[in-house]
C-alpha atoms as a PDB file:
ATOM      1  CA  UNK A   1     -34.588  42.504  34.101  1.00  0.00           C
ATOM      2  CA  UNK A   2     -35.950  38.943  34.287  1.00  0.00           C
ATOM      3  CA  UNK A   3     -39.050  40.010  32.315  1.00  0.00           C
ATOM      4  CA  UNK A   4     -36.938  41.439  29.475  1.00  0.00           C
ATOM      5  CA  UNK A   5     -34.824  38.262  29.360  1.00  0.00           C
ATOM      6  CA  UNK A   6     -37.968  36.088  29.183  1.00  0.00           C
ATOM      7  CA  UNK A   7     -39.390  38.228  26.346  1.00  0.00           C
ATOM      8  CA  UNK A   8     -36.096  37.904  24.390  1.00  0.00           C
ATOM      9  CA  UNK A   9     -36.058  34.116  24.787  1.00  0.00           C
ATOM     10  CA  UNK A  10     -39.692  33.809  23.648  1.00  0.00           C
ATOM     11  CA  UNK A  11     -38.989  36.009  20.626  1.00  0.00           C
ATOM     12  CA  UNK A  12     -35.968  33.880  19.612  1.00  0.00           C
ATOM     13  CA  UNK A  13     -37.990  30.656  19.934  1.00  0.00           C
ATOM     14  CA  UNK A  14     -40.833  32.143  17.853  1.00  0.00           C
ATOM     15  CA  UNK A  15     -38.457  33.197  15.043  1.00  0.00           C
ATOM     16  CA  UNK A  16     -36.693  29.767  15.030  1.00  0.00           C
ATOM     17  CA  UNK A  17     -40.010  27.842  14.880  1.00  0.00           C
ATOM     18  CA  UNK A  18     -41.325  30.099  12.096  1.00  0.00           C
ATOM     19  CA  UNK A  19     -38.164  29.675  10.001  1.00  0.00           C
ATOM     20  CA  UNK A  20     -38.286  25.888  10.469  1.00  0.00           C
ATOM     21  CA  UNK A  21     -41.928  25.758   9.409  1.00  0.00           C
ATOM     22  CA  UNK A  22     -41.200  27.922   6.370  1.00  0.00           C
ATOM     23  CA  UNK A  23     -38.363  25.580   5.329  1.00  0.00           C
ATOM     24  CA  UNK A  24     -40.561  22.487   5.700  1.00  0.00           C
ATOM     25  CA  UNK A  25     -43.408  24.090   3.788  1.00  0.00           C
ATOM     26  CA  UNK A  26     -41.035  25.194   1.051  1.00  0.00           C
ATOM     27  CA  UNK A  27     -39.611  21.665   0.676  1.00  0.00           C
ATOM     28  CA  UNK A  28     -43.144  20.226   0.473  1.00  0.00           C
ATOM     29  CA  UNK A  29     -44.049  22.794  -2.189  1.00  0.00           C
ATOM     30  CA  UNK A  30     -41.049  21.799  -4.306  1.00  0.00           C
ATOM     31  CA  UNK A  31     -41.883  18.107  -4.108  1.00  0.00           C
ATOM     32  CA  UNK A  32     -45.551  18.645  -5.020  1.00  0.00           C
ATOM     33  CA  UNK A  33     -46.308  17.995  -8.694  1.00  0.00           C
ATOM     34  CA  UNK A  34     -48.317  20.844 -10.268  1.00  0.00           C
ATOM     35  CA  UNK A  35     -51.615  20.125 -11.992  1.00  0.00           C
ATOM     36  CA  UNK A  36     -50.785  22.399 -14.925  1.00  0.00           C
ATOM     37  CA  UNK A  37     -47.117  23.434 -15.250  1.00  0.00           C
ATOM     38  CA  UNK A  38     -46.705  26.844 -16.865  1.00  0.00           C
ATOM     39  CA  UNK A  39     -44.707  27.297 -20.044  1.00  0.00           C
ATOM     40  CA  UNK A  40     -43.697  30.869 -19.154  1.00  0.00           C
ATOM     41  CA  UNK A  41     -43.631  33.151 -16.139  1.00  0.00           C
ATOM     42  CA  UNK A  42     -44.336  36.779 -16.885  1.00  0.00           C
ATOM     43  CA  UNK A  43     -43.156  36.189 -20.410  1.00  0.00           C
ATOM     44  CA  UNK A  44     -39.816  34.642 -19.357  1.00  0.00           C
ATOM     45  CA  UNK A  45     -38.664  31.060 -19.756  1.00  0.00           C
ATOM     46  CA  UNK A  46     -35.779  29.210 -18.070  1.00  0.00           C
ATOM     47  CA  UNK A  47     -32.868  28.441 -20.357  1.00  0.00           C
ATOM     48  CA  UNK A  48     -31.734  24.841 -20.066  1.00  0.00           C
ATOM     49  CA  UNK A  49     -29.270  23.143 -22.413  1.00  0.00           C
ATOM     50  CA  UNK A  50     -26.490  20.539 -22.497  1.00  0.00           C
ATOM     51  CA  UNK A  51     -22.926  21.783 -22.671  1.00  0.00           C
ATOM     52  CA  UNK A  52     -21.969  18.714 -24.739  1.00  0.00           C
ATOM     53  CA  UNK A  53     -23.720  17.158 -27.720  1.00  0.00           C
ATOM     54  CA  UNK A  54     -22.798  13.554 -26.978  1.00  0.00           C
ATOM     55  CA  UNK A  55     -22.643  11.224 -23.998  1.00  0.00           C
ATOM     56  CA  UNK A  56     -21.521   7.634 -23.353  1.00  0.00           C
ATOM     57  CA  UNK A  57     -23.071   5.111 -21.007  1.00  0.00           C
ATOM     58  CA  UNK A  58     -21.678   5.682 -17.525  1.00  0.00           C
ATOM     59  CA  UNK A  59     -19.977   8.933 -18.574  1.00  0.00           C
ATOM     60  CA  UNK A  60     -20.995  12.422 -17.424  1.00  0.00           C
ATOM     61  CA  UNK A  61     -22.388  15.450 -19.229  1.00  0.00           C
ATOM     62  CA  UNK A  62     -22.982  19.010 -17.949  1.00  0.00           C
ATOM     63  CA  UNK A  63     -26.397  20.662 -18.153  1.00  0.00           C
ATOM     64  CA  UNK A  64     -26.804  24.434 -17.621  1.00  0.00           C
ATOM     65  CA  UNK A  65     -30.013  25.968 -16.209  1.00  0.00           C
ATOM     66  CA  UNK A  66     -30.545  29.766 -16.017  1.00  0.00           C
ATOM     67  CA  UNK A  67     -33.642  31.821 -15.069  1.00  0.00           C
ATOM     68  CA  UNK A  68     -34.156  35.615 -15.209  1.00  0.00           C
ATOM     69  CA  UNK A  69     -36.868  36.949 -12.863  1.00  0.00           C
ATOM     70  CA  UNK A  70     -37.940  39.860 -10.687  1.00  0.00           C
ATOM     71  CA  UNK A  71     -35.645  40.554  -7.780  1.00  0.00           C
ATOM     72  CA  UNK A  72     -38.638  40.389  -5.463  1.00  0.00           C
ATOM     73  CA  UNK A  73     -39.554  36.898  -6.594  1.00  0.00           C
ATOM     74  CA  UNK A  74     -38.093  33.835  -4.841  1.00  0.00           C
ATOM     75  CA  UNK A  75     -37.238  30.902  -7.096  1.00  0.00           C
ATOM     76  CA  UNK A  76     -35.788  27.484  -6.391  1.00  0.00           C
ATOM     77  CA  UNK A  77     -33.859  25.067  -8.600  1.00  0.00           C
ATOM     78  CA  UNK A  78     -34.137  21.236  -8.691  1.00  0.00           C
ATOM     79  CA  UNK A  79     -31.884  19.360  -6.282  1.00  0.00           C
ATOM     80  CA  UNK A  80     -31.057  15.729  -5.528  1.00  0.00           C
ATOM     81  CA  UNK A  81     -34.705  14.980  -4.693  1.00  0.00           C
ATOM     82  CA  UNK A  82     -35.819  15.735  -8.244  1.00  0.00           C
ATOM     83  CA  UNK A  83     -36.305  13.014 -10.865  1.00  0.00           C
ATOM     84  CA  UNK A  84     -33.831  13.685 -13.699  1.00  0.00           C
ATOM     85  CA  UNK A  85     -34.886  10.671 -15.815  1.00  0.00           C
ATOM     86  CA  UNK A  86     -33.495   9.336 -18.091  1.00  0.00           C
ATOM     87  CA  UNK A  87     -30.411  10.805 -16.360  1.00  0.00           C
ATOM     88  CA  UNK A  88     -29.048  10.529 -12.841  1.00  0.00           C
ATOM     89  CA  UNK A  89     -27.639  13.442 -10.880  1.00  0.00           C
ATOM     90  CA  UNK A  90     -23.944  13.221 -10.023  1.00  0.00           C
ATOM     91  CA  UNK A  91     -23.254  16.742  -8.795  1.00  0.00           C
ATOM     92  CA  UNK A  92     -24.801  20.218  -8.741  1.00  0.00           C
ATOM     93  CA  UNK A  93     -22.958  23.549  -8.820  1.00  0.00           C
ATOM     94  CA  UNK A  94     -25.116  26.558  -7.906  1.00  0.00           C
ATOM     95  CA  UNK A  95     -23.922  30.084  -8.590  1.00  0.00           C
ATOM     96  CA  UNK A  96     -24.767  33.195  -6.508  1.00  0.00           C
ATOM     97  CA  UNK A  97     -27.746  35.316  -7.629  1.00  0.00           C
ATOM     98  CA  UNK A  98     -26.839  38.357  -9.742  1.00  0.00           C
ATOM     99  CA  UNK A  99     -29.207  41.372  -9.486  1.00  0.00           C
ATOM    100  CA  UNK A 100     -29.237  44.476 -11.678  1.00  0.00           C
ATOM    101  CA  UNK A 101     -32.088  47.056 -11.757  1.00  0.00           C
ATOM    102  CA  UNK A 102     -34.598  44.807  -9.957  1.00  0.00           C
ATOM    103  CA  UNK A 103     -33.828  41.901 -12.336  1.00  0.00           C
ATOM    104  CA  UNK A 104     -32.151  38.831 -10.855  1.00  0.00           C
ATOM    105  CA  UNK A 105     -30.454  35.938 -12.624  1.00  0.00           C
ATOM    106  CA  UNK A 106     -30.056  32.518 -10.985  1.00  0.00           C
ATOM    107  CA  UNK A 107     -28.050  29.750 -12.585  1.00  0.00           C
ATOM    108  CA  UNK A 108     -26.740  26.269 -11.872  1.00  0.00           C
ATOM    109  CA  UNK A 109     -24.796  23.564 -13.670  1.00  0.00           C
ATOM    110  CA  UNK A 110     -25.800  19.907 -13.211  1.00  0.00           C
ATOM    111  CA  UNK A 111     -23.410  17.044 -13.774  1.00  0.00           C
ATOM    112  CA  UNK A 112     -25.473  14.127 -15.072  1.00  0.00           C
ATOM    113  CA  UNK A 113     -24.866  10.547 -16.169  1.00  0.00           C
ATOM    114  CA  UNK A 114     -27.010   7.943 -17.903  1.00  0.00           C
ATOM    115  CA  UNK A 115     -27.262   4.177 -18.148  1.00  0.00           C
ATOM    116  CA  UNK A 116     -30.118   4.109 -20.655  1.00  0.00           C
ATOM    117  CA  UNK A 117     -29.552   2.877 -24.218  1.00  0.00           C
ATOM    118  CA  UNK A 118     -31.843   5.245 -26.161  1.00  0.00           C
ATOM    119  CA  UNK A 119     -30.008   6.790 -29.107  1.00  0.00           C
ATOM    120  CA  UNK A 120     -31.271  10.294 -28.293  1.00  0.00           C
ATOM    121  CA  UNK A 121     -31.986  11.292 -24.705  1.00  0.00           C
ATOM    122  CA  UNK A 122     -33.950  14.456 -23.859  1.00  0.00           C
ATOM    123  CA  UNK A 123     -34.227  16.569 -20.705  1.00  0.00           C
ATOM    124  CA  UNK A 124     -36.227  19.671 -19.690  1.00  0.00           C
ATOM    125  CA  UNK A 125     -35.762  20.998 -16.156  1.00  0.00           C
ATOM    126  CA  UNK A 126     -38.131  23.367 -14.336  1.00  0.00           C
ATOM    127  CA  UNK A 127     -37.569  26.178 -11.889  1.00  0.00           C
ATOM    128  CA  UNK A 128     -39.918  26.622  -8.928  1.00  0.00           C
ATOM    129  CA  UNK A 129     -41.496  30.034  -8.457  1.00  0.00           C
ATOM    130  CA  UNK A 130     -42.504  30.325  -4.821  1.00  0.00           C
ATOM    131  CA  UNK A 131     -45.965  31.755  -4.110  1.00  0.00           C
ATOM    132  CA  UNK A 132     -47.566  32.454  -0.719  1.00  0.00           C
ATOM    133  CA  UNK A 133     -49.674  29.279  -0.884  1.00  0.00           C
ATOM    134  CA  UNK A 134     -48.178  27.222  -3.681  1.00  0.00           C
ATOM    135  CA  UNK A 135     -45.212  26.726  -5.985  1.00  0.00           C
ATOM    136  CA  UNK A 136     -45.360  27.154  -9.750  1.00  0.00           C
ATOM    137  CA  UNK A 137     -43.213  25.006 -12.017  1.00  0.00           C
ATOM    138  CA  UNK A 138     -41.837  26.736 -15.083  1.00  0.00           C
ATOM    139  CA  UNK A 139     -40.082  24.420 -17.538  1.00  0.00           C
ATOM    140  CA  UNK A 140     -37.255  25.193 -19.899  1.00  0.00           C
ATOM    141  CA  UNK A 141     -37.292  24.033 -23.499  1.00  0.00           C
ATOM    142  CA  UNK A 142     -36.194  20.443 -23.962  1.00  0.00           C
ATOM    143  CA  UNK A 143     -32.636  19.744 -25.077  1.00  0.00           C
ATOM    144  CA  UNK A 144     -31.154  16.452 -26.258  1.00  0.00           C
ATOM    145  CA  UNK A 145     -27.825  14.636 -26.352  1.00  0.00           C
ATOM    146  CA  UNK A 146     -26.774  11.805 -28.604  1.00  0.00           C
ATOM    147  CA  UNK A 147     -25.668   8.520 -27.069  1.00  0.00           C
ATOM    148  CA  UNK A 148     -22.311   7.411 -28.461  1.00  0.00           C
ATOM    149  CA  UNK A 149     -22.043   3.657 -28.981  1.00  0.00           C
ATOM    150  CA  UNK A 150     -18.745   2.292 -27.735  1.00  0.00           C
ATOM    151  CA  UNK A 151     -19.174  -1.073 -29.474  1.00  0.00           C
ATOM    152  CA  UNK A 152     -20.876  -0.538 -32.821  1.00  0.00           C
ATOM    153  CA  UNK A 153     -20.948  -4.143 -34.050  1.00  0.00           C
ATOM    154  CA  UNK A 154     -20.603  -7.414 -32.183  1.00  0.00           C
ATOM    155  CA  UNK A 155     -19.117 -10.253 -34.281  1.00  0.00           C
ATOM    156  CA  UNK A 156     -20.684 -13.700 -34.188  1.00  0.00           C
ATOM    157  CA  UNK A 157     -17.413 -15.240 -33.074  1.00  0.00           C
ATOM    158  CA  UNK A 158     -14.524 -13.672 -31.252  1.00  0.00           C
ATOM    159  CA  UNK A 159     -10.945 -14.099 -32.444  1.00  0.00           C
ATOM    160  CA  UNK A 160      -8.480 -14.301 -29.603  1.00  0.00           C
ATOM    161  CA  UNK A 161      -4.984 -12.968 -30.007  1.00  0.00           C
ATOM    162  CA  UNK A 162      -2.305 -15.309 -28.764  1.00  0.00           C
ATOM    163  CA  UNK A 163       0.758 -14.054 -26.989  1.00  0.00           C
ATOM    164  CA  UNK A 164       3.489 -16.627 -26.514  1.00  0.00           C
ATOM    165  CA  UNK A 165       6.198 -14.256 -25.330  1.00  0.00           C
ATOM    166  CA  UNK A 166       7.919 -15.341 -22.145  1.00  0.00           C
ATOM    167  CA  UNK A 167       7.663 -12.962 -19.217  1.00  0.00           C
ATOM    168  CA  UNK A 168      10.437 -13.435 -16.711  1.00  0.00           C
ATOM    169  CA  UNK A 169       9.248 -13.126 -13.167  1.00  0.00           C
ATOM    170  CA  UNK A 170      11.537 -11.937 -10.437  1.00  0.00           C
ATOM    171  CA  UNK A 171      11.817 -14.706  -7.833  1.00  0.00           C
ATOM    172  CA  UNK A 172      10.626 -13.668  -4.415  1.00  0.00           C
ATOM    173  CA  UNK A 173      12.166 -14.828  -1.173  1.00  0.00           C
ATOM    174  CA  UNK A 174       9.749 -17.208   0.517  1.00  0.00           C
ATOM    175  CA  UNK A 175      10.164 -16.070   4.109  1.00  0.00           C
ATOM    176  CA  UNK A 176       7.498 -18.350   5.650  1.00  0.00           C
ATOM    177  CA  UNK A 177       9.046 -21.446   4.017  1.00  0.00           C
ATOM    178  CA  UNK A 178      12.587 -20.608   5.088  1.00  0.00           C
ATOM    179  CA  UNK A 179      11.474 -19.761   8.617  1.00  0.00           C
ATOM    180  CA  UNK A 180       9.640 -23.088   8.789  1.00  0.00           C
ATOM    181  CA  UNK A 181      12.707 -24.991   7.520  1.00  0.00           C
ATOM    182  CA  UNK A 182      14.993 -23.158   9.949  1.00  0.00           C
ATOM    183  CA  UNK A 183      12.670 -23.929  12.857  1.00  0.00           C
ATOM    184  CA  UNK A 184      12.488 -27.598  11.758  1.00  0.00           C
ATOM    185  CA  UNK A 185      16.289 -27.858  11.546  1.00  0.00           C
ATOM    186  CA  UNK A 186      16.714 -26.286  14.998  1.00  0.00           C
ATOM    187  CA  UNK A 187      14.100 -28.657  16.408  1.00  0.00           C
ATOM    188  CA  UNK A 188      15.795 -31.708  14.875  1.00  0.00           C
ATOM    189  CA  UNK A 189      19.211 -30.623  16.153  1.00  0.00           C
ATOM    190  CA  UNK A 190      17.731 -30.033  19.603  1.00  0.00           C
ATOM    191  CA  UNK A 191      16.135 -33.492  19.675  1.00  0.00           C
ATOM    192  CA  UNK A 192      19.352 -35.135  18.479  1.00  0.00           C
ATOM    193  CA  UNK A 193      21.305 -33.292  21.140  1.00  0.00           C
ATOM    194  CA  UNK A 194      18.882 -34.413  23.860  1.00  0.00           C
ATOM    195  CA  UNK A 195      19.152 -38.008  22.683  1.00  0.00           C
ATOM    196  CA  UNK A 196      22.778 -38.249  21.562  1.00  0.00           C
ATOM    197  CA  UNK A 197      24.373 -35.110  22.983  1.00  0.00           C
ATOM    198  CA  UNK A 198      25.931 -36.687  26.063  1.00  0.00           C
ATOM    199  CA  UNK A 199      27.273 -39.626  24.077  1.00  0.00           C
ATOM    200  CA  UNK A 200      28.695 -37.383  21.359  1.00  0.00           C
ATOM    201  CA  UNK A 201      30.366 -35.200  23.983  1.00  0.00           C
ATOM    202  CA  UNK A 202      31.919 -38.239  25.673  1.00  0.00           C
ATOM    203  CA  UNK A 203      33.212 -39.554  22.367  1.00  0.00           C
ATOM    204  CA  UNK A 204      34.673 -36.159  21.525  1.00  0.00           C
ATOM    205  CA  UNK A 205      36.495 -35.930  24.857  1.00  0.00           C
ATOM    206  CA  UNK A 206      37.711 -39.516  24.471  1.00  0.00           C
ATOM    207  CA  UNK A 207      39.055 -38.765  21.000  1.00  0.00           C
ATOM    208  CA  UNK A 208      40.649 -35.487  22.154  1.00  0.00           C
ATOM    209  CA  UNK A 209      42.446 -37.197  25.041  1.00  0.00           C
ATOM    210  CA  UNK A 210      43.651 -39.988  22.763  1.00  0.00           C
ATOM    211  CA  UNK A 211      45.103 -37.512  20.280  1.00  0.00           C
ATOM    212  CA  UNK A 212      46.822 -35.526  23.000  1.00  0.00           C
ATOM    213  CA  UNK A 213      48.237 -38.618  24.679  1.00  0.00           C
ATOM    214  CA  UNK A 214      49.521 -39.930  21.349  1.00  0.00           C
ATOM    215  CA  UNK A 215      51.296 -36.612  20.805  1.00  0.00           C
ATOM    216  CA  UNK A 216      52.821 -36.780  24.293  1.00  0.00           C
ATOM    217  CA  UNK A 217      53.984 -40.362  23.756  1.00  0.00           C
ATOM    218  CA  UNK A 218      55.685 -39.406  20.503  1.00  0.00           C
ATOM    219  CA  UNK A 219      57.528 -36.380  21.922  1.00  0.00           C
ATOM    220  CA  UNK A 220      58.452 -38.123  25.185  1.00  0.00           C
ATOM    221  CA  UNK A 221      59.731 -41.125  23.259  1.00  0.00           C
ATOM    222  CA  UNK A 222      61.883 -38.868  21.069  1.00  0.00           C
ATOM    223  CA  UNK A 223      63.453 -37.245  24.162  1.00  0.00           C
ATOM    224  CA  UNK A 224      63.939 -40.662  25.795  1.00  0.00           C
ATOM    225  CA  UNK A 225      65.827 -41.887  22.715  1.00  0.00           C
ATOM    226  CA  UNK A 226      68.148 -38.874  22.876  1.00  0.00           C
ATOM    227  CA  UNK A 227      68.713 -39.424  26.597  1.00  0.00           C
ATOM    228  CA  UNK A 228      69.482 -43.099  25.986  1.00  0.00           C
ATOM    229  CA  UNK A 229      72.085 -42.229  23.350  1.00  0.00           C
ATOM    230  CA  UNK A 230      73.626 -39.244  25.112  1.00  0.00           C
ATOM    231  CA  UNK A 231      72.188 -38.182  28.461  1.00  0.00           C
ATOM    232  CA  UNK A 232      71.984 -34.416  29.042  1.00  0.00           C
ATOM    233  CA  UNK A 233      70.404 -32.331  31.812  1.00  0.00           C
ATOM    234  CA  UNK A 234      68.652 -30.201  29.221  1.00  0.00           C
ATOM    235  CA  UNK A 235      66.829 -33.121  27.558  1.00  0.00           C
ATOM    236  CA  UNK A 236      65.937 -34.630  30.936  1.00  0.00           C
ATOM    237  CA  UNK A 237      64.461 -31.293  32.096  1.00  0.00           C
ATOM    238  CA  UNK A 238      62.449 -31.001  28.875  1.00  0.00           C
ATOM    239  CA  UNK A 239      61.096 -34.509  29.360  1.00  0.00           C
ATOM    240  CA  UNK A 240      60.146 -33.712  32.987  1.00  0.00           C
ATOM    241  CA  UNK A 241      58.335 -30.500  31.968  1.00  0.00           C
ATOM    242  CA  UNK A 242      56.508 -32.362  29.166  1.00  0.00           C
ATOM    243  CA  UNK A 243      55.453 -35.062  31.622  1.00  0.00           C
ATOM    244  CA  UNK A 244      54.155 -32.545  34.207  1.00  0.00           C
ATOM    245  CA  UNK A 245      52.131 -30.645  31.594  1.00  0.00           C
ATOM    246  CA  UNK A 246      50.488 -33.799  30.261  1.00  0.00           C
ATOM    247  CA  UNK A 247      49.742 -35.080  33.764  1.00  0.00           C
ATOM    248  CA  UNK A 248      48.278 -31.675  34.611  1.00  0.00           C
ATOM    249  CA  UNK A 249      45.936 -31.939  31.603  1.00  0.00           C
ATOM    250  CA  UNK A 250      44.781 -35.435  32.584  1.00  0.00           C
ATOM    251  CA  UNK A 251      44.250 -34.821  36.338  1.00  0.00           C
ATOM    252  CA  UNK A 252      43.336 -31.114  36.102  1.00  0.00           C
ATOM    253  CA  UNK A 253      45.928 -30.372  38.831  1.00  0.00           C
ATOM    254  CA  UNK A 254      48.677 -27.731  38.323  1.00  0.00           C
ATOM    255  CA  UNK A 255      51.590 -30.165  38.495  1.00  0.00           C
ATOM    256  CA  UNK A 256      53.751 -27.832  36.391  1.00  0.00           C
ATOM    257  CA  UNK A 257      54.039 -25.473  39.378  1.00  0.00           C
ATOM    258  CA  UNK A 258      54.753 -28.220  41.925  1.00  0.00           C
ATOM    259  CA  UNK A 259      58.100 -29.542  43.067  1.00  0.00           C
ATOM    260  CA  UNK A 260      58.821 -33.264  43.315  1.00  0.00           C
ATOM    261  CA  UNK A 261      58.151 -33.138  47.087  1.00  0.00           C
ATOM    262  CA  UNK A 262      54.746 -31.470  46.523  1.00  0.00           C
ATOM    263  CA  UNK A 263      53.855 -34.055  43.894  1.00  0.00           C
ATOM    264  CA  UNK A 264      54.683 -36.832  46.385  1.00  0.00           C
ATOM    265  CA  UNK A 265      52.212 -35.285  48.849  1.00  0.00           C
ATOM    266  CA  UNK A 266      49.464 -35.579  46.232  1.00  0.00           C
ATOM    267  CA  UNK A 267      50.460 -38.881  44.633  1.00  0.00           C
ATOM    268  CA  UNK A 268      51.395 -41.558  47.143  1.00  0.00           C
ATOM    269  CA  UNK A 269      53.635 -43.620  44.903  1.00  0.00           C
ATOM    270  CA  UNK A 270      57.118 -44.420  46.277  1.00  0.00           C
ATOM    271  CA  UNK A 271      58.458 -45.662  42.957  1.00  0.00           C
ATOM    272  CA  UNK A 272      57.421 -42.415  41.300  1.00  0.00           C
ATOM    273  CA  UNK A 273      58.859 -40.388  44.190  1.00  0.00           C
ATOM    274  CA  UNK A 274      62.242 -42.131  43.929  1.00  0.00           C
ATOM    275  CA  UNK A 275      62.323 -41.590  40.172  1.00  0.00           C
ATOM    276  CA  UNK A 276      61.568 -37.864  40.589  1.00  0.00           C
ATOM    277  CA  UNK A 277      64.310 -37.486  43.216  1.00  0.00           C
ATOM    278  CA  UNK A 278      66.839 -39.175  40.911  1.00  0.00           C
ATOM    279  CA  UNK A 279      65.838 -36.929  38.027  1.00  0.00           C
ATOM    280  CA  UNK A 280      66.173 -33.800  40.230  1.00  0.00           C
ATOM    281  CA  UNK A 281      69.712 -34.824  41.174  1.00  0.00           C
ATOM    282  CA  UNK A 282      70.590 -35.264  37.530  1.00  0.00           C
ATOM    283  CA  UNK A 283      69.139 -31.859  36.507  1.00  0.00           C
ATOM    284  CA  UNK A 284      70.256 -29.705  39.412  1.00  0.00           C
ATOM    285  CA  UNK A 285      73.284 -31.688  40.743  1.00  0.00           C
ATOM    286  CA  UNK A 286      74.598 -32.910  37.408  1.00  0.00           C
ATOM    287  CA  UNK A 287      74.769 -36.416  38.948  1.00  0.00           C
ATOM    288  CA  UNK A 288      74.072 -38.713  36.027  1.00  0.00           C
ATOM    289  CA  UNK A 289      72.943 -42.158  37.096  1.00  0.00           C
ATOM    290  CA  UNK A 290      72.839 -45.371  35.110  1.00  0.00           C
ATOM    291  CA  UNK A 291      69.182 -45.675  36.132  1.00  0.00           C
ATOM    292  CA  UNK A 292      68.099 -42.391  34.483  1.00  0.00           C
ATOM    293  CA  UNK A 293      66.550 -44.258  31.587  1.00  0.00           C
ATOM    294  CA  UNK A 294      64.608 -46.441  34.017  1.00  0.00           C
ATOM    295  CA  UNK A 295      63.427 -43.336  35.881  1.00  0.00           C
ATOM    296  CA  UNK A 296      62.097 -41.848  32.656  1.00  0.00           C
ATOM    297  CA  UNK A 297      60.250 -45.080  31.896  1.00  0.00           C
ATOM    298  CA  UNK A 298      58.660 -44.876  35.363  1.00  0.00           C
ATOM    299  CA  UNK A 299      57.308 -41.409  34.497  1.00  0.00           C
ATOM    300  CA  UNK A 300      55.988 -42.654  31.147  1.00  0.00           C
ATOM    301  CA  UNK A 301      54.245 -45.676  32.728  1.00  0.00           C
ATOM    302  CA  UNK A 302      52.668 -43.535  35.453  1.00  0.00           C
ATOM    303  CA  UNK A 303      51.216 -41.044  33.008  1.00  0.00           C
ATOM    304  CA  UNK A 304      49.915 -43.904  30.824  1.00  0.00           C
ATOM    305  CA  UNK A 305      48.066 -45.316  33.847  1.00  0.00           C
ATOM    306  CA  UNK A 306      46.534 -41.882  34.477  1.00  0.00           C
ATOM    307  CA  UNK A 307      45.517 -41.708  30.851  1.00  0.00           C
ATOM    308  CA  UNK A 308      43.748 -45.090  31.008  1.00  0.00           C
ATOM    309  CA  UNK A 309      41.966 -44.043  34.192  1.00  0.00           C
ATOM    310  CA  UNK A 310      40.870 -40.782  32.574  1.00  0.00           C
ATOM    311  CA  UNK A 311      39.466 -42.573  29.511  1.00  0.00           C
ATOM    312  CA  UNK A 312      37.506 -45.022  31.682  1.00  0.00           C
ATOM    313  CA  UNK A 313      36.090 -42.093  33.655  1.00  0.00           C
ATOM    314  CA  UNK A 314      34.917 -40.412  30.433  1.00  0.00           C
ATOM    315  CA  UNK A 315      33.211 -43.589  29.216  1.00  0.00           C
ATOM    316  CA  UNK A 316      31.664 -44.162  32.626  1.00  0.00           C
ATOM    317  CA  UNK A 317      33.275 -47.560  33.021  1.00  0.00           C
END
């Protein structure tokens, strides 16, 4: 079994080496220039001709090559290694061999281009008839194409055509510029905030407190005028609620939910405590005192002192 396998492997290697050597020898035969190329082969001649009569520089033209020979004879056609001067090979299309009654026909179409300036350019391609020891070149008859001149005459001076029509261009959004400007603005605002932010915030709070206190003073003064003219428990209660709310805003303590006794526990001010007790009697006991106006002034003065203290705290004084 091993002997048969070894014989099979040796046979395969022998066939592969022989085919490789035949291919190399065949390629060398094709590239070898013959000493005396034949004009015919057994009375036959390849047919080679251009499919177009004209060509331009840099353009392509198709060239057809056909050879009729014995079916037993091996022939080869030129490929990319062949010199097609004055043309250059662009592409080659080879067609399958057709055989009928021991006569075979091989054909191919070559796509060629040229960059030469000769008015008439000629080409004759050979076919290679493979022999046991050599390769015979058999040429077709020469065929020519006419070079078409794209620019027939060149004037001594060129006349330029002016075009003064206005072409409106669509403006494009400059993203890099706007991103740069946005980043610069953010950076400037950030720097200003680091430098002036605390001061601006203090000034804003100072202004806000001043506006709110001015509003309180105006409303409390209006209620005080009404109480002075005609005291009523309703107006006194409104004034007390307004005072508690404003004091709550200044001290950040929920005075609006505290009773007078609870306020006294937070604020140790006997004058204020007495005024709050008198006001409670007026609201809840309907005991109107001649000192009610003075009590209201006490509330107003106390809240003004708190306001001044709050403003000094904001300014850091």
